[in-house]
């Protein structure tokens, strides 16, 4: 075996990263489950109230961003460890180059007369 490969295999840095990657694989499965629950609850809430719950929209955006940050770490696109080793994703740190999404500035009155969700 090459000396360079042996040196990398003995490096504690790569094994530490492997442990963090394993941890975030488990965390990510929990995040995905929470997103599915949130989606179902948002759907039911929208049926009952006629509009999307803005707090759930914010939480959904944060969970999606957190999932994205975990993916970046797992695929070696970043060395920055996601929450709890960095700040929780909020509106200020969504995606580096993305503009904030329009999370629904429409009012319930705007939907009067609309029969379909697609109009």
C-alpha atoms as a PDB file:
ATOM      1  CA  UNK A   1       0.000   0.000   0.000  1.00  0.00           C
ATOM      2  CA  UNK A   2       1.237   3.469  -0.833  1.00  0.00           C
ATOM      3  CA  UNK A   3       2.740   5.476   2.054  1.00  0.00           C
ATOM      4  CA  UNK A   4       0.452   8.406   1.245  1.00  0.00           C
ATOM      5  CA  UNK A   5      -2.650   6.222   1.559  1.00  0.00           C
ATOM      6  CA  UNK A   6      -1.382   4.770   4.844  1.00  0.00           C
ATOM      7  CA  UNK A   7      -0.829   8.269   6.183  1.00  0.00           C
ATOM      8  CA  UNK A   8      -4.398   9.282   5.231  1.00  0.00           C
ATOM      9  CA  UNK A   9      -5.834   6.130   6.798  1.00  0.00           C
ATOM     10  CA  UNK A  10      -4.054   6.918  10.057  1.00  0.00           C
ATOM     11  CA  UNK A  11      -5.217  10.534  10.070  1.00  0.00           C
ATOM     12  CA  UNK A  12      -7.662  11.254  12.894  1.00  0.00           C
ATOM     13  CA  UNK A  13      -9.155  14.108  10.855  1.00  0.00           C
ATOM     14  CA  UNK A  14     -10.709  11.800   8.237  1.00  0.00           C
ATOM     15  CA  UNK A  15     -12.092   9.409  10.870  1.00  0.00           C
ATOM     16  CA  UNK A  16     -13.560  12.313  12.829  1.00  0.00           C
ATOM     17  CA  UNK A  17     -15.292  13.462   9.676  1.00  0.00           C
ATOM     18  CA  UNK A  18     -16.577   9.915   9.090  1.00  0.00           C
ATOM     19  CA  UNK A  19     -18.161   9.901  12.554  1.00  0.00           C
ATOM     20  CA  UNK A  20     -19.804  13.270  11.943  1.00  0.00           C
ATOM     21  CA  UNK A  21     -21.050  12.060   8.566  1.00  0.00           C
ATOM     22  CA  UNK A  22     -22.609   9.019  10.205  1.00  0.00           C
ATOM     23  CA  UNK A  23     -24.240  11.245  12.828  1.00  0.00           C
ATOM     24  CA  UNK A  24     -25.689  13.551  10.164  1.00  0.00           C
ATOM     25  CA  UNK A  25     -27.051  10.626   8.128  1.00  0.00           C
ATOM     26  CA  UNK A  26     -29.187   9.738  11.157  1.00  0.00           C
ATOM     27  CA  UNK A  27     -30.119  13.374  11.795  1.00  0.00           C
ATOM     28  CA  UNK A  28     -31.114  13.791   8.152  1.00  0.00           C
ATOM     29  CA  UNK A  29     -33.507  10.846   8.316  1.00  0.00           C
ATOM     30  CA  UNK A  30     -35.244  12.541  11.258  1.00  0.00           C
ATOM     31  CA  UNK A  31     -35.386  15.847   9.363  1.00  0.00           C
ATOM     32  CA  UNK A  32     -36.968  14.149   6.351  1.00  0.00           C
ATOM     33  CA  UNK A  33     -39.578  12.542   8.618  1.00  0.00           C
ATOM     34  CA  UNK A  34     -40.344  15.949  10.163  1.00  0.00           C
ATOM     35  CA  UNK A  35     -40.734  17.474   6.685  1.00  0.00           C
ATOM     36  CA  UNK A  36     -43.263  14.792   5.760  1.00  0.00           C
ATOM     37  CA  UNK A  37     -45.241  15.400   8.972  1.00  0.00           C
ATOM     38  CA  UNK A  38     -45.114  19.135   8.366  1.00  0.00           C
ATOM     39  CA  UNK A  39     -46.336  18.680   4.795  1.00  0.00           C
ATOM     40  CA  UNK A  40     -49.319  16.622   5.930  1.00  0.00           C
ATOM     41  CA  UNK A  41     -50.160  19.062   8.707  1.00  0.00           C
ATOM     42  CA  UNK A  42     -49.785  22.041   6.339  1.00  0.00           C
ATOM     43  CA  UNK A  43     -52.096  20.345   3.842  1.00  0.00           C
ATOM     44  CA  UNK A  44     -54.759  19.708   6.481  1.00  0.00           C
ATOM     45  CA  UNK A  45     -54.340  23.215   7.876  1.00  0.00           C
ATOM     46  CA  UNK A  46     -54.725  24.708   4.406  1.00  0.00           C
ATOM     47  CA  UNK A  47     -57.914  22.727   3.787  1.00  0.00           C
ATOM     48  CA  UNK A  48     -59.396  23.856   7.100  1.00  0.00           C
ATOM     49  CA  UNK A  49     -58.367  27.532   7.003  1.00  0.00           C
ATOM     50  CA  UNK A  50     -58.151  28.222   3.282  1.00  0.00           C
ATOM     51  CA  UNK A  51     -54.565  29.485   3.452  1.00  0.00           C
ATOM     52  CA  UNK A  52     -51.099  28.229   4.275  1.00  0.00           C
ATOM     53  CA  UNK A  53     -49.874  28.617   7.848  1.00  0.00           C
ATOM     54  CA  UNK A  54     -47.024  31.162   7.723  1.00  0.00           C
ATOM     55  CA  UNK A  55     -45.247  29.688  10.742  1.00  0.00           C
ATOM     56  CA  UNK A  56     -45.223  26.279   9.093  1.00  0.00           C
ATOM     57  CA  UNK A  57     -43.960  27.853   5.875  1.00  0.00           C
ATOM     58  CA  UNK A  58     -41.026  29.318   7.801  1.00  0.00           C
ATOM     59  CA  UNK A  59     -40.304  26.035   9.585  1.00  0.00           C
ATOM     60  CA  UNK A  60     -40.525  24.118   6.305  1.00  0.00           C
ATOM     61  CA  UNK A  61     -38.076  26.507   4.684  1.00  0.00           C
ATOM     62  CA  UNK A  62     -35.666  26.145   7.591  1.00  0.00           C
ATOM     63  CA  UNK A  63     -35.898  22.346   7.574  1.00  0.00           C
ATOM     64  CA  UNK A  64     -35.315  22.248   3.809  1.00  0.00           C
ATOM     65  CA  UNK A  65     -32.279  24.503   4.187  1.00  0.00           C
ATOM     66  CA  UNK A  66     -30.967  22.357   7.036  1.00  0.00           C
ATOM     67  CA  UNK A  67     -31.370  19.236   4.869  1.00  0.00           C
ATOM     68  CA  UNK A  68     -29.490  21.044   2.090  1.00  0.00           C
ATOM     69  CA  UNK A  69     -26.674  21.978   4.479  1.00  0.00           C
ATOM     70  CA  UNK A  70     -26.407  18.354   5.614  1.00  0.00           C
ATOM     71  CA  UNK A  71     -26.224  17.234   1.968  1.00  0.00           C
ATOM     72  CA  UNK A  72     -23.434  19.717   1.291  1.00  0.00           C
ATOM     73  CA  UNK A  73     -21.476  18.375   4.257  1.00  0.00           C
ATOM     74  CA  UNK A  74     -22.069  14.713   3.382  1.00  0.00           C
ATOM     75  CA  UNK A  75     -20.943  15.208  -0.217  1.00  0.00           C
ATOM     76  CA  UNK A  76     -17.752  17.059   0.812  1.00  0.00           C
ATOM     77  CA  UNK A  77     -18.928  20.310  -0.765  1.00  0.00           C
ATOM     78  CA  UNK A  78     -18.294  22.076   2.534  1.00  0.00           C
ATOM     79  CA  UNK A  79     -16.307  21.464   5.666  1.00  0.00           C
ATOM     80  CA  UNK A  80     -18.735  23.505   7.777  1.00  0.00           C
ATOM     81  CA  UNK A  81     -20.735  21.191   9.997  1.00  0.00           C
ATOM     82  CA  UNK A  82     -24.481  21.887  10.092  1.00  0.00           C
ATOM     83  CA  UNK A  83     -26.473  22.692  13.238  1.00  0.00           C
ATOM     84  CA  UNK A  84     -25.739  22.173  16.176  1.00  0.00           C
ATOM     85  CA  UNK A  85     -22.136  22.910  15.194  1.00  0.00           C
ATOM     86  CA  UNK A  86     -23.196  26.083  13.385  1.00  0.00           C
ATOM     87  CA  UNK A  87     -26.223  28.340  13.590  1.00  0.00           C
ATOM     88  CA  UNK A  88     -29.734  27.097  12.793  1.00  0.00           C
ATOM     89  CA  UNK A  89     -30.715  28.008   9.231  1.00  0.00           C
ATOM     90  CA  UNK A  90     -32.896  31.083   9.193  1.00  0.00           C
ATOM     91  CA  UNK A  91     -34.053  33.614   6.662  1.00  0.00           C
ATOM     92  CA  UNK A  92     -30.631  35.260   6.691  1.00  0.00           C
ATOM     93  CA  UNK A  93     -28.630  32.159   5.688  1.00  0.00           C
ATOM     94  CA  UNK A  94     -30.783  30.171   3.280  1.00  0.00           C
ATOM     95  CA  UNK A  95     -28.726  29.629   0.156  1.00  0.00           C
ATOM     96  CA  UNK A  96     -25.656  31.673  -0.639  1.00  0.00           C
ATOM     97  CA  UNK A  97     -26.917  33.187  -3.911  1.00  0.00           C
ATOM     98  CA  UNK A  98     -30.670  32.704  -3.670  1.00  0.00           C
ATOM     99  CA  UNK A  99     -33.236  35.393  -3.110  1.00  0.00           C
ATOM    100  CA  UNK A 100     -35.865  34.738  -0.432  1.00  0.00           C
ATOM    101  CA  UNK A 101     -38.837  32.828  -1.776  1.00  0.00           C
ATOM    102  CA  UNK A 102     -42.264  34.434  -1.904  1.00  0.00           C
ATOM    103  CA  UNK A 103     -43.904  32.556   0.945  1.00  0.00           C
ATOM    104  CA  UNK A 104     -47.361  33.730   0.141  1.00  0.00           C
ATOM    105  CA  UNK A 105     -48.075  37.398   0.520  1.00  0.00           C
ATOM    106  CA  UNK A 106     -51.581  36.776  -0.787  1.00  0.00           C
ATOM    107  CA  UNK A 107     -54.486  37.394   1.521  1.00  0.00           C
ATOM    108  CA  UNK A 108     -57.537  35.127   1.799  1.00  0.00           C
ATOM    109  CA  UNK A 109     -59.556  37.832   0.027  1.00  0.00           C
ATOM    110  CA  UNK A 110     -57.352  37.368  -3.052  1.00  0.00           C
ATOM    111  CA  UNK A 111     -58.726  33.833  -3.481  1.00  0.00           C
ATOM    112  CA  UNK A 112     -62.403  34.784  -3.545  1.00  0.00           C
ATOM    113  CA  UNK A 113     -64.019  33.565  -6.700  1.00  0.00           C
ATOM    114  CA  UNK A 114     -61.192  31.118  -7.481  1.00  0.00           C
ATOM    115  CA  UNK A 115     -62.488  27.625  -7.826  1.00  0.00           C
ATOM    116  CA  UNK A 116     -59.160  25.950  -8.476  1.00  0.00           C
ATOM    117  CA  UNK A 117     -55.872  26.030  -6.563  1.00  0.00           C
ATOM    118  CA  UNK A 118     -54.101  26.457  -9.890  1.00  0.00           C
ATOM    119  CA  UNK A 119     -55.643  29.804 -10.809  1.00  0.00           C
END
